[in-house]
């Protein structure tokens, strides 16, 4: 990624100011976000890999482990207390991209 910066002398302070330093970030962000929605839909639509079949000899061992460790199955049980916490969560997000879309729509 190319990044150009020009250093200008300050008149009173004697230091320098970097101009154009953020240009590389803007270019790389534009390239990274190019065609993002199409790539996301392609990734979501891709067929998920199937797990390998289990060997018949390990079935008894798996059943014994599940019997000895019942907390393994607790992961799949819905916890109402945690669900109620999630219902109380409120997210207030400010997205600069939506502001840009509103401005473009107003200009048309």
PDB file of N, CA and C in Angstrom:
ATOM      1  N   UNK A   1       0.843  -1.167   0.000  1.00  0.00           N
ATOM      2  CA  UNK A   1       0.000   0.000   0.000  1.00  0.00           C
ATOM      3  C   UNK A   1       0.895   1.238   0.000  1.00  0.00           C
ATOM      4  N   UNK A   2       0.697   2.114  -0.938  1.00  0.00           N
ATOM      5  CA  UNK A   2       1.485   3.334  -1.023  1.00  0.00           C
ATOM      6  C   UNK A   2       0.890   4.401  -0.129  1.00  0.00           C
ATOM      7  N   UNK A   3       1.749   5.130   0.551  1.00  0.00           N
ATOM      8  CA  UNK A   3       1.279   6.192   1.414  1.00  0.00           C
ATOM      9  C   UNK A   3       2.229   7.370   1.265  1.00  0.00           C
ATOM     10  N   UNK A   4       1.712   8.481   0.780  1.00  0.00           N
ATOM     11  CA  UNK A   4       2.526   9.662   0.578  1.00  0.00           C
ATOM     12  C   UNK A   4       2.173  10.693   1.628  1.00  0.00           C
ATOM     13  N   UNK A   5       3.165  11.348   2.137  1.00  0.00           N
ATOM     14  CA  UNK A   5       2.938  12.401   3.122  1.00  0.00           C
ATOM     15  C   UNK A   5       3.878  13.553   2.809  1.00  0.00           C
ATOM     16  N   UNK A   6       3.367  14.739   2.952  1.00  0.00           N
ATOM     17  CA  UNK A   6       4.157  15.948   2.719  1.00  0.00           C
ATOM     18  C   UNK A   6       4.327  16.629   4.060  1.00  0.00           C
ATOM     19  N   UNK A   7       5.537  17.019   4.366  1.00  0.00           N
ATOM     20  CA  UNK A   7       5.786  17.723   5.615  1.00  0.00           C
ATOM     21  C   UNK A   7       5.938  19.203   5.312  1.00  0.00           C
ATOM     22  N   UNK A   8       5.092  19.995   5.970  1.00  0.00           N
ATOM     23  CA  UNK A   8       5.126  21.444   5.796  1.00  0.00           C
ATOM     24  C   UNK A   8       5.660  22.087   7.066  1.00  0.00           C
ATOM     25  N   UNK A   9       6.545  23.072   6.918  1.00  0.00           N
ATOM     26  CA  UNK A   9       7.056  23.741   8.125  1.00  0.00           C
ATOM     27  C   UNK A   9       5.983  24.644   8.731  1.00  0.00           C
ATOM     28  N   UNK A  10       5.919  24.668  10.061  1.00  0.00           N
ATOM     29  CA  UNK A  10       5.019  25.572  10.761  1.00  0.00           C
ATOM     30  C   UNK A  10       5.673  26.935  10.844  1.00  0.00           C
ATOM     31  N   UNK A  11       4.888  27.978  10.697  1.00  0.00           N
ATOM     32  CA  UNK A  11       5.462  29.327  10.674  1.00  0.00           C
ATOM     33  C   UNK A  11       5.952  29.763  12.046  1.00  0.00           C
ATOM     34  N   UNK A  12       5.172  29.570  13.088  1.00  0.00           N
ATOM     35  CA  UNK A  12       5.558  30.091  14.396  1.00  0.00           C
ATOM     36  C   UNK A  12       6.201  29.028  15.286  1.00  0.00           C
ATOM     37  N   UNK A  13       5.702  27.807  15.237  1.00  0.00           N
ATOM     38  CA  UNK A  13       6.153  26.791  16.181  1.00  0.00           C
ATOM     39  C   UNK A  13       7.479  26.160  15.840  1.00  0.00           C
ATOM     40  N   UNK A  14       7.889  26.189  14.610  1.00  0.00           N
ATOM     41  CA  UNK A  14       9.152  25.598  14.236  1.00  0.00           C
ATOM     42  C   UNK A  14       9.083  24.108  13.971  1.00  0.00           C
ATOM     43  N   UNK A  15       7.939  23.455  14.130  1.00  0.00           N
ATOM     44  CA  UNK A  15       7.786  22.032  13.874  1.00  0.00           C
ATOM     45  C   UNK A  15       7.276  21.786  12.464  1.00  0.00           C
ATOM     46  N   UNK A  16       6.844  20.570  12.206  1.00  0.00           N
ATOM     47  CA  UNK A  16       6.293  20.244  10.893  1.00  0.00           C
ATOM     48  C   UNK A  16       4.927  19.596  11.069  1.00  0.00           C
ATOM     49  N   UNK A  17       4.118  19.661  10.020  1.00  0.00           N
ATOM     50  CA  UNK A  17       2.787  19.066  10.017  1.00  0.00           C
ATOM     51  C   UNK A  17       2.726  18.074   8.875  1.00  0.00           C
ATOM     52  N   UNK A  18       2.178  16.905   9.139  1.00  0.00           N
ATOM     53  CA  UNK A  18       2.015  15.894   8.104  1.00  0.00           C
ATOM     54  C   UNK A  18       0.704  16.113   7.376  1.00  0.00           C
ATOM     55  N   UNK A  19       0.760  16.236   6.074  1.00  0.00           N
ATOM     56  CA  UNK A  19      -0.433  16.448   5.261  1.00  0.00           C
ATOM     57  C   UNK A  19      -0.610  15.233   4.366  1.00  0.00           C
ATOM     58  N   UNK A  20      -1.822  14.681   4.287  1.00  0.00           N
ATOM     59  CA  UNK A  20      -2.107  13.552   3.400  1.00  0.00           C
ATOM     60  C   UNK A  20      -1.721  12.205   3.980  1.00  0.00           C
ATOM     61  N   UNK A  21      -1.503  12.136   5.270  1.00  0.00           N
ATOM     62  CA  UNK A  21      -1.083  10.872   5.880  1.00  0.00           C
ATOM     63  C   UNK A  21      -2.204   9.849   5.890  1.00  0.00           C
ATOM     64  N   UNK A  22      -3.463  10.275   5.935  1.00  0.00           N
ATOM     65  CA  UNK A  22      -4.583   9.355   5.994  1.00  0.00           C
ATOM     66  C   UNK A  22      -5.031   8.839   4.638  1.00  0.00           C
ATOM     67  N   UNK A  23      -4.403   9.280   3.591  1.00  0.00           N
ATOM     68  CA  UNK A  23      -4.827   8.887   2.246  1.00  0.00           C
ATOM     69  C   UNK A  23      -4.643   7.387   2.013  1.00  0.00           C
ATOM     70  N   UNK A  24      -3.577   6.823   2.509  1.00  0.00           N
ATOM     71  CA  UNK A  24      -3.344   5.386   2.335  1.00  0.00           C
ATOM     72  C   UNK A  24      -4.425   4.566   3.012  1.00  0.00           C
ATOM     73  N   UNK A  25      -4.870   5.004   4.178  1.00  0.00           N
ATOM     74  CA  UNK A  25      -5.931   4.298   4.891  1.00  0.00           C
ATOM     75  C   UNK A  25      -7.235   4.366   4.110  1.00  0.00           C
ATOM     76  N   UNK A  26      -7.510   5.502   3.518  1.00  0.00           N
ATOM     77  CA  UNK A  26      -8.743   5.645   2.735  1.00  0.00           C
ATOM     78  C   UNK A  26      -8.732   4.722   1.523  1.00  0.00           C
ATOM     79  N   UNK A  27      -7.601   4.657   0.852  1.00  0.00           N
ATOM     80  CA  UNK A  27      -7.497   3.809  -0.339  1.00  0.00           C
ATOM     81  C   UNK A  27      -7.612   2.345   0.048  1.00  0.00           C
ATOM     82  N   UNK A  28      -6.921   1.928   1.091  1.00  0.00           N
ATOM     83  CA  UNK A  28      -6.978   0.525   1.490  1.00  0.00           C
ATOM     84  C   UNK A  28      -8.369   0.159   1.985  1.00  0.00           C
ATOM     85  N   UNK A  29      -9.060   1.084   2.672  1.00  0.00           N
ATOM     86  CA  UNK A  29     -10.426   0.819   3.123  1.00  0.00           C
ATOM     87  C   UNK A  29     -11.363   0.665   1.936  1.00  0.00           C
ATOM     88  N   UNK A  30     -11.195   1.504   0.920  1.00  0.00           N
ATOM     89  CA  UNK A  30     -12.047   1.406  -0.268  1.00  0.00           C
ATOM     90  C   UNK A  30     -11.833   0.069  -0.977  1.00  0.00           C
ATOM     91  N   UNK A  31     -10.602  -0.366  -1.067  1.00  0.00           N
ATOM     92  CA  UNK A  31     -10.324  -1.652  -1.707  1.00  0.00           C
ATOM     93  C   UNK A  31     -10.842  -2.821  -0.870  1.00  0.00           C
ATOM     94  N   UNK A  32     -10.733  -2.700   0.441  1.00  0.00           N
ATOM     95  CA  UNK A  32     -11.185  -3.770   1.333  1.00  0.00           C
ATOM     96  C   UNK A  32     -12.709  -3.897   1.289  1.00  0.00           C
ATOM     97  N   UNK A  33     -13.414  -2.770   1.187  1.00  0.00           N
ATOM     98  CA  UNK A  33     -14.873  -2.783   1.211  1.00  0.00           C
ATOM     99  C   UNK A  33     -15.483  -2.944  -0.177  1.00  0.00           C
ATOM    100  N   UNK A  34     -14.668  -3.020  -1.222  1.00  0.00           N
ATOM    101  CA  UNK A  34     -15.182  -3.169  -2.570  1.00  0.00           C
ATOM    102  C   UNK A  34     -15.915  -4.495  -2.702  1.00  0.00           C
ATOM    103  N   UNK A  35     -17.135  -4.443  -3.179  1.00  0.00           N
ATOM    104  CA  UNK A  35     -17.928  -5.637  -3.460  1.00  0.00           C
ATOM    105  C   UNK A  35     -18.132  -6.498  -2.206  1.00  0.00           C
ATOM    106  N   UNK A  36     -18.200  -5.866  -1.064  1.00  0.00           N
ATOM    107  CA  UNK A  36     -18.274  -6.582   0.213  1.00  0.00           C
ATOM    108  C   UNK A  36     -19.573  -7.372   0.347  1.00  0.00           C
ATOM    109  N   UNK A  37     -20.694  -6.782  -0.056  1.00  0.00           N
ATOM    110  CA  UNK A  37     -21.980  -7.453   0.110  1.00  0.00           C
ATOM    111  C   UNK A  37     -22.056  -8.720  -0.738  1.00  0.00           C
ATOM    112  N   UNK A  38     -21.575  -8.656  -1.975  1.00  0.00           N
ATOM    113  CA  UNK A  38     -21.610  -9.834  -2.846  1.00  0.00           C
ATOM    114  C   UNK A  38     -20.713 -10.936  -2.285  1.00  0.00           C
ATOM    115  N   UNK A  39     -19.539 -10.560  -1.785  1.00  0.00           N
ATOM    116  CA  UNK A  39     -18.642 -11.560  -1.210  1.00  0.00           C
ATOM    117  C   UNK A  39     -19.254 -12.183   0.045  1.00  0.00           C
ATOM    118  N   UNK A  40     -19.959 -11.380   0.854  1.00  0.00           N
ATOM    119  CA  UNK A  40     -20.590 -11.902   2.070  1.00  0.00           C
ATOM    120  C   UNK A  40     -21.699 -12.887   1.714  1.00  0.00           C
ATOM    121  N   UNK A  41     -22.524 -12.547   0.717  1.00  0.00           N
ATOM    122  CA  UNK A  41     -23.590 -13.473   0.308  1.00  0.00           C
ATOM    123  C   UNK A  41     -22.995 -14.768  -0.241  1.00  0.00           C
ATOM    124  N   UNK A  42     -21.897 -14.672  -0.954  1.00  0.00           N
ATOM    125  CA  UNK A  42     -21.239 -15.880  -1.466  1.00  0.00           C
ATOM    126  C   UNK A  42     -20.721 -16.757  -0.351  1.00  0.00           C
ATOM    127  N   UNK A  43     -20.171 -16.129   0.679  1.00  0.00           N
ATOM    128  CA  UNK A  43     -19.633 -16.887   1.810  1.00  0.00           C
ATOM    129  C   UNK A  43     -20.757 -17.536   2.615  1.00  0.00           C
ATOM    130  N   UNK A  44     -21.864 -16.817   2.786  1.00  0.00           N
ATOM    131  CA  UNK A  44     -22.995 -17.359   3.536  1.00  0.00           C
ATOM    132  C   UNK A  44     -23.649 -18.501   2.771  1.00  0.00           C
ATOM    133  N   UNK A  45     -23.742 -18.353   1.448  1.00  0.00           N
ATOM    134  CA  UNK A  45     -24.396 -19.368   0.636  1.00  0.00           C
ATOM    135  C   UNK A  45     -23.562 -20.604   0.387  1.00  0.00           C
ATOM    136  N   UNK A  46     -22.301 -20.553   0.729  1.00  0.00           N
ATOM    137  CA  UNK A  46     -21.426 -21.700   0.501  1.00  0.00           C
ATOM    138  C   UNK A  46     -21.860 -22.877   1.367  1.00  0.00           C
ATOM    139  N   UNK A  47     -21.791 -24.061   0.790  1.00  0.00           N
ATOM    140  CA  UNK A  47     -22.192 -25.260   1.521  1.00  0.00           C
ATOM    141  C   UNK A  47     -21.216 -25.511   2.665  1.00  0.00           C
ATOM    142  N   UNK A  48     -21.762 -25.754   3.838  1.00  0.00           N
ATOM    143  CA  UNK A  48     -20.946 -25.992   5.021  1.00  0.00           C
ATOM    144  C   UNK A  48     -20.363 -27.396   4.978  1.00  0.00           C
ATOM    145  N   UNK A  49     -19.143 -27.575   5.459  1.00  0.00           N
ATOM    146  CA  UNK A  49     -18.551 -28.919   5.457  1.00  0.00           C
ATOM    147  C   UNK A  49     -19.279 -29.837   6.441  1.00  0.00           C
ATOM    148  N   UNK A  50     -19.449 -31.066   6.039  1.00  0.00           N
ATOM    149  CA  UNK A  50     -20.093 -32.047   6.902  1.00  0.00           C
ATOM    150  C   UNK A  50     -19.045 -32.658   7.828  1.00  0.00           C
ATOM    151  N   UNK A  51     -19.422 -32.949   9.068  1.00  0.00           N
ATOM    152  CA  UNK A  51     -18.459 -33.590   9.963  1.00  0.00           C
ATOM    153  C   UNK A  51     -18.192 -35.026   9.509  1.00  0.00           C
ATOM    154  N   UNK A  52     -17.017 -35.491   9.801  1.00  0.00           N
ATOM    155  CA  UNK A  52     -16.652 -36.856   9.428  1.00  0.00           C
ATOM    156  C   UNK A  52     -17.504 -37.841  10.211  1.00  0.00           C
ATOM    157  N   UNK A  53     -17.825 -38.979   9.621  1.00  0.00           N
ATOM    158  CA  UNK A  53     -18.625 -39.978  10.354  1.00  0.00           C
ATOM    159  C   UNK A  53     -17.825 -40.543  11.533  1.00  0.00           C
ATOM    160  N   UNK A  54     -18.535 -40.866  12.580  1.00  0.00           N
ATOM    161  CA  UNK A  54     -17.879 -41.410  13.767  1.00  0.00           C
ATOM    162  C   UNK A  54     -17.622 -42.899  13.588  1.00  0.00           C
ATOM    163  N   UNK A  55     -16.525 -43.308  14.125  1.00  0.00           N
ATOM    164  CA  UNK A  55     -16.168 -44.721  14.056  1.00  0.00           C
ATOM    165  C   UNK A  55     -17.086 -45.506  14.996  1.00  0.00           C
ATOM    166  N   UNK A  56     -17.599 -46.638  14.550  1.00  0.00           N
ATOM    167  CA  UNK A  56     -18.535 -47.416  15.391  1.00  0.00           C
ATOM    168  C   UNK A  56     -17.939 -47.846  16.728  1.00  0.00           C
ATOM    169  N   UNK A  57     -16.627 -48.007  16.781  1.00  0.00           N
ATOM    170  CA  UNK A  57     -16.000 -48.452  18.020  1.00  0.00           C
ATOM    171  C   UNK A  57     -15.975 -47.380  19.102  1.00  0.00           C
ATOM    172  N   UNK A  58     -16.177 -46.128  18.759  1.00  0.00           N
ATOM    173  CA  UNK A  58     -16.121 -45.049  19.752  1.00  0.00           C
ATOM    174  C   UNK A  58     -17.492 -44.700  20.323  1.00  0.00           C
ATOM    175  N   UNK A  59     -18.548 -45.335  19.830  1.00  0.00           N
ATOM    176  CA  UNK A  59     -19.909 -45.007  20.295  1.00  0.00           C
ATOM    177  C   UNK A  59     -20.065 -45.272  21.788  1.00  0.00           C
ATOM    178  N   UNK A  60     -19.569 -46.389  22.261  1.00  0.00           N
ATOM    179  CA  UNK A  60     -19.687 -46.713  23.689  1.00  0.00           C
ATOM    180  C   UNK A  60     -18.887 -45.720  24.535  1.00  0.00           C
ATOM    181  N   UNK A  61     -17.714 -45.340  24.068  1.00  0.00           N
ATOM    182  CA  UNK A  61     -16.891 -44.375  24.790  1.00  0.00           C
ATOM    183  C   UNK A  61     -17.580 -43.007  24.859  1.00  0.00           C
ATOM    184  N   UNK A  62     -18.198 -42.573  23.774  1.00  0.00           N
ATOM    185  CA  UNK A  62     -18.917 -41.297  23.760  1.00  0.00           C
ATOM    186  C   UNK A  62     -20.101 -41.326  24.732  1.00  0.00           C
ATOM    187  N   UNK A  63     -20.850 -42.395  24.738  1.00  0.00           N
ATOM    188  CA  UNK A  63     -21.980 -42.514  25.651  1.00  0.00           C
ATOM    189  C   UNK A  63     -21.516 -42.493  27.108  1.00  0.00           C
ATOM    190  N   UNK A  64     -20.395 -43.144  27.385  1.00  0.00           N
ATOM    191  CA  UNK A  64     -19.854 -43.157  28.749  1.00  0.00           C
ATOM    192  C   UNK A  64     -19.425 -41.742  29.166  1.00  0.00           C
ATOM    193  N   UNK A  65     -18.779 -41.006  28.266  1.00  0.00           N
ATOM    194  CA  UNK A  65     -18.353 -39.640  28.564  1.00  0.00           C
ATOM    195  C   UNK A  65     -19.554 -38.723  28.818  1.00  0.00           C
ATOM    196  N   UNK A  66     -20.604 -38.861  28.003  1.00  0.00           N
ATOM    197  CA  UNK A  66     -21.802 -38.049  28.212  1.00  0.00           C
ATOM    198  C   UNK A  66     -22.486 -38.397  29.533  1.00  0.00           C
ATOM    199  N   UNK A  67     -22.442 -39.655  29.908  1.00  0.00           N
ATOM    200  CA  UNK A  67     -23.045 -40.066  31.172  1.00  0.00           C
ATOM    201  C   UNK A  67     -22.223 -39.531  32.356  1.00  0.00           C
ATOM    202  N   UNK A  68     -20.899 -39.577  32.251  1.00  0.00           N
ATOM    203  CA  UNK A  68     -20.029 -39.110  33.336  1.00  0.00           C
ATOM    204  C   UNK A  68     -19.984 -37.588  33.438  1.00  0.00           C
ATOM    205  N   UNK A  69     -20.211 -36.885  32.331  1.00  0.00           N
ATOM    206  CA  UNK A  69     -20.129 -35.413  32.293  1.00  0.00           C
ATOM    207  C   UNK A  69     -21.440 -34.823  31.751  1.00  0.00           C
ATOM    208  N   UNK A  70     -22.473 -34.740  32.567  1.00  0.00           N
ATOM    209  CA  UNK A  70     -23.768 -34.247  32.074  1.00  0.00           C
ATOM    210  C   UNK A  70     -23.746 -32.756  31.729  1.00  0.00           C
ATOM    211  N   UNK A  71     -22.765 -32.000  32.217  1.00  0.00           N
ATOM    212  CA  UNK A  71     -22.706 -30.565  31.926  1.00  0.00           C
ATOM    213  C   UNK A  71     -22.438 -30.287  30.446  1.00  0.00           C
ATOM    214  N   UNK A  72     -22.004 -31.278  29.702  1.00  0.00           N
ATOM    215  CA  UNK A  72     -21.763 -31.103  28.274  1.00  0.00           C
ATOM    216  C   UNK A  72     -23.061 -30.767  27.560  1.00  0.00           C
ATOM    217  N   UNK A  73     -24.154 -31.400  27.948  1.00  0.00           N
ATOM    218  CA  UNK A  73     -25.441 -31.156  27.308  1.00  0.00           C
ATOM    219  C   UNK A  73     -26.097 -29.854  27.756  1.00  0.00           C
ATOM    220  N   UNK A  74     -25.607 -29.250  28.847  1.00  0.00           N
ATOM    221  CA  UNK A  74     -26.183 -27.990  29.321  1.00  0.00           C
ATOM    222  C   UNK A  74     -25.969 -26.853  28.332  1.00  0.00           C
ATOM    223  N   UNK A  75     -25.032 -26.985  27.459  1.00  0.00           N
ATOM    224  CA  UNK A  75     -24.763 -25.947  26.465  1.00  0.00           C
ATOM    225  C   UNK A  75     -25.963 -25.763  25.551  1.00  0.00           C
ATOM    226  N   UNK A  76     -26.694 -26.816  25.293  1.00  0.00           N
ATOM    227  CA  UNK A  76     -27.814 -26.782  24.357  1.00  0.00           C
ATOM    228  C   UNK A  76     -29.140 -26.407  25.012  1.00  0.00           C
ATOM    229  N   UNK A  77     -29.151 -26.211  26.315  1.00  0.00           N
ATOM    230  CA  UNK A  77     -30.380 -25.882  27.031  1.00  0.00           C
ATOM    231  C   UNK A  77     -30.513 -24.362  27.111  1.00  0.00           C
ATOM    232  N   UNK A  78     -31.708 -23.852  26.815  1.00  0.00           N
ATOM    233  CA  UNK A  78     -31.962 -22.415  26.832  1.00  0.00           C
ATOM    234  C   UNK A  78     -32.031 -21.926  28.275  1.00  0.00           C
ATOM    235  N   UNK A  79     -31.229 -20.917  28.594  1.00  0.00           N
ATOM    236  CA  UNK A  79     -31.186 -20.340  29.924  1.00  0.00           C
ATOM    237  C   UNK A  79     -32.054 -19.081  29.925  1.00  0.00           C
ATOM    238  N   UNK A  80     -33.207 -19.136  30.571  1.00  0.00           N
ATOM    239  CA  UNK A  80     -34.170 -18.026  30.554  1.00  0.00           C
ATOM    240  C   UNK A  80     -33.608 -16.764  31.198  1.00  0.00           C
ATOM    241  N   UNK A  81     -32.767 -16.918  32.211  1.00  0.00           N
ATOM    242  CA  UNK A  81     -32.176 -15.746  32.865  1.00  0.00           C
ATOM    243  C   UNK A  81     -31.288 -14.984  31.892  1.00  0.00           C
ATOM    244  N   UNK A  82     -30.488 -15.702  31.127  1.00  0.00           N
ATOM    245  CA  UNK A  82     -29.624 -15.048  30.143  1.00  0.00           C
ATOM    246  C   UNK A  82     -30.436 -14.437  29.004  1.00  0.00           C
ATOM    247  N   UNK A  83     -31.521 -15.103  28.611  1.00  0.00           N
ATOM    248  CA  UNK A  83     -32.387 -14.563  27.560  1.00  0.00           C
ATOM    249  C   UNK A  83     -33.020 -13.258  28.022  1.00  0.00           C
ATOM    250  N   UNK A  84     -33.431 -13.194  29.281  1.00  0.00           N
ATOM    251  CA  UNK A  84     -34.023 -11.950  29.796  1.00  0.00           C
ATOM    252  C   UNK A  84     -32.985 -10.827  29.823  1.00  0.00           C
ATOM    253  N   UNK A  85     -31.718 -11.142  30.110  1.00  0.00           N
ATOM    254  CA  UNK A  85     -30.662 -10.134  30.051  1.00  0.00           C
ATOM    255  C   UNK A  85     -30.495  -9.601  28.630  1.00  0.00           C
ATOM    256  N   UNK A  86     -30.562 -10.501  27.653  1.00  0.00           N
ATOM    257  CA  UNK A  86     -30.419 -10.079  26.262  1.00  0.00           C
ATOM    258  C   UNK A  86     -31.571  -9.187  25.819  1.00  0.00           C
ATOM    259  N   UNK A  87     -32.765  -9.444  26.336  1.00  0.00           N
ATOM    260  CA  UNK A  87     -33.909  -8.610  25.969  1.00  0.00           C
ATOM    261  C   UNK A  87     -33.770  -7.196  26.515  1.00  0.00           C
ATOM    262  N   UNK A  88     -33.013  -7.029  27.601  1.00  0.00           N
ATOM    263  CA  UNK A  88     -32.823  -5.713  28.200  1.00  0.00           C
ATOM    264  C   UNK A  88     -31.700  -4.918  27.537  1.00  0.00           C
ATOM    265  N   UNK A  89     -30.946  -5.540  26.658  1.00  0.00           N
ATOM    266  CA  UNK A  89     -29.822  -4.853  26.012  1.00  0.00           C
ATOM    267  C   UNK A  89     -30.343  -3.941  24.925  1.00  0.00           C
ATOM    268  N   UNK A  90     -29.845  -2.703  24.907  1.00  0.00           N
ATOM    269  CA  UNK A  90     -30.201  -1.737  23.871  1.00  0.00           C
ATOM    270  C   UNK A  90     -28.905  -1.200  23.285  1.00  0.00           C
ATOM    271  N   UNK A  91     -28.780  -1.281  21.976  1.00  0.00           N
ATOM    272  CA  UNK A  91     -27.577  -0.808  21.302  1.00  0.00           C
ATOM    273  C   UNK A  91     -27.934   0.419  20.489  1.00  0.00           C
ATOM    274  N   UNK A  92     -27.233   1.502  20.742  1.00  0.00           N
ATOM    275  CA  UNK A  92     -27.426   2.732  19.984  1.00  0.00           C
ATOM    276  C   UNK A  92     -26.160   2.957  19.180  1.00  0.00           C
ATOM    277  N   UNK A  93     -26.262   2.765  17.874  1.00  0.00           N
ATOM    278  CA  UNK A  93     -25.092   2.832  17.021  1.00  0.00           C
ATOM    279  C   UNK A  93     -25.213   4.005  16.075  1.00  0.00           C
ATOM    280  N   UNK A  94     -24.111   4.700  15.875  1.00  0.00           N
ATOM    281  CA  UNK A  94     -24.081   5.772  14.886  1.00  0.00           C
ATOM    282  C   UNK A  94     -23.123   5.335  13.797  1.00  0.00           C
ATOM    283  N   UNK A  95     -23.657   5.172  12.613  1.00  0.00           N
ATOM    284  CA  UNK A  95     -22.874   4.689  11.488  1.00  0.00           C
ATOM    285  C   UNK A  95     -22.690   5.814  10.495  1.00  0.00           C
ATOM    286  N   UNK A  96     -21.465   6.153  10.203  1.00  0.00           N
ATOM    287  CA  UNK A  96     -21.200   7.249   9.268  1.00  0.00           C
ATOM    288  C   UNK A  96     -21.609   6.876   7.850  1.00  0.00           C
ATOM    289  N   UNK A  97     -21.639   5.579   7.525  1.00  0.00           N
ATOM    290  CA  UNK A  97     -22.033   5.160   6.180  1.00  0.00           C
ATOM    291  C   UNK A  97     -23.494   5.492   5.908  1.00  0.00           C
ATOM    292  N   UNK A  98     -24.364   5.370   6.914  1.00  0.00           N
ATOM    293  CA  UNK A  98     -25.770   5.695   6.703  1.00  0.00           C
ATOM    294  C   UNK A  98     -25.933   7.187   6.465  1.00  0.00           C
ATOM    295  N   UNK A  99     -25.109   8.022   7.113  1.00  0.00           N
ATOM    296  CA  UNK A  99     -25.176   9.459   6.882  1.00  0.00           C
ATOM    297  C   UNK A  99     -24.773   9.777   5.452  1.00  0.00           C
ATOM    298  N   UNK A 100     -23.792   9.072   4.939  1.00  0.00           N
ATOM    299  CA  UNK A 100     -23.348   9.299   3.569  1.00  0.00           C
ATOM    300  C   UNK A 100     -24.454   8.944   2.595  1.00  0.00           C
ATOM    301  N   UNK A 101     -25.165   7.835   2.829  1.00  0.00           N
ATOM    302  CA  UNK A 101     -26.260   7.437   1.958  1.00  0.00           C
ATOM    303  C   UNK A 101     -27.394   8.448   1.993  1.00  0.00           C
ATOM    304  N   UNK A 102     -27.681   9.011   3.147  1.00  0.00           N
ATOM    305  CA  UNK A 102     -28.741   9.999   3.267  1.00  0.00           C
ATOM    306  C   UNK A 102     -28.376  11.248   2.478  1.00  0.00           C
ATOM    307  N   UNK A 103     -27.132  11.660   2.563  1.00  0.00           N
ATOM    308  CA  UNK A 103     -26.682  12.852   1.826  1.00  0.00           C
ATOM    309  C   UNK A 103     -26.756  12.598   0.337  1.00  0.00           C
ATOM    310  N   UNK A 104     -26.365  11.419  -0.133  1.00  0.00           N
ATOM    311  CA  UNK A 104     -26.430  11.106  -1.563  1.00  0.00           C
ATOM    312  C   UNK A 104     -27.865  11.086  -2.042  1.00  0.00           C
ATOM    313  N   UNK A 105     -28.790  10.546  -1.238  1.00  0.00           N
ATOM    314  CA  UNK A 105     -30.198  10.497  -1.619  1.00  0.00           C
ATOM    315  C   UNK A 105     -30.788  11.907  -1.689  1.00  0.00           C
ATOM    316  N   UNK A 106     -30.377  12.790  -0.796  1.00  0.00           N
ATOM    317  CA  UNK A 106     -30.906  14.151  -0.782  1.00  0.00           C
ATOM    318  C   UNK A 106     -30.426  14.950  -1.991  1.00  0.00           C
ATOM    319  N   UNK A 107     -29.232  14.657  -2.489  1.00  0.00           N
ATOM    320  CA  UNK A 107     -28.696  15.389  -3.636  1.00  0.00           C
ATOM    321  C   UNK A 107     -29.363  14.978  -4.929  1.00  0.00           C
ATOM    322  N   UNK A 108     -29.921  13.804  -5.007  1.00  0.00           N
ATOM    323  CA  UNK A 108     -30.556  13.332  -6.249  1.00  0.00           C
ATOM    324  C   UNK A 108     -31.905  13.883  -6.403  1.00  0.00           C
TER     325      UNK A 108
END
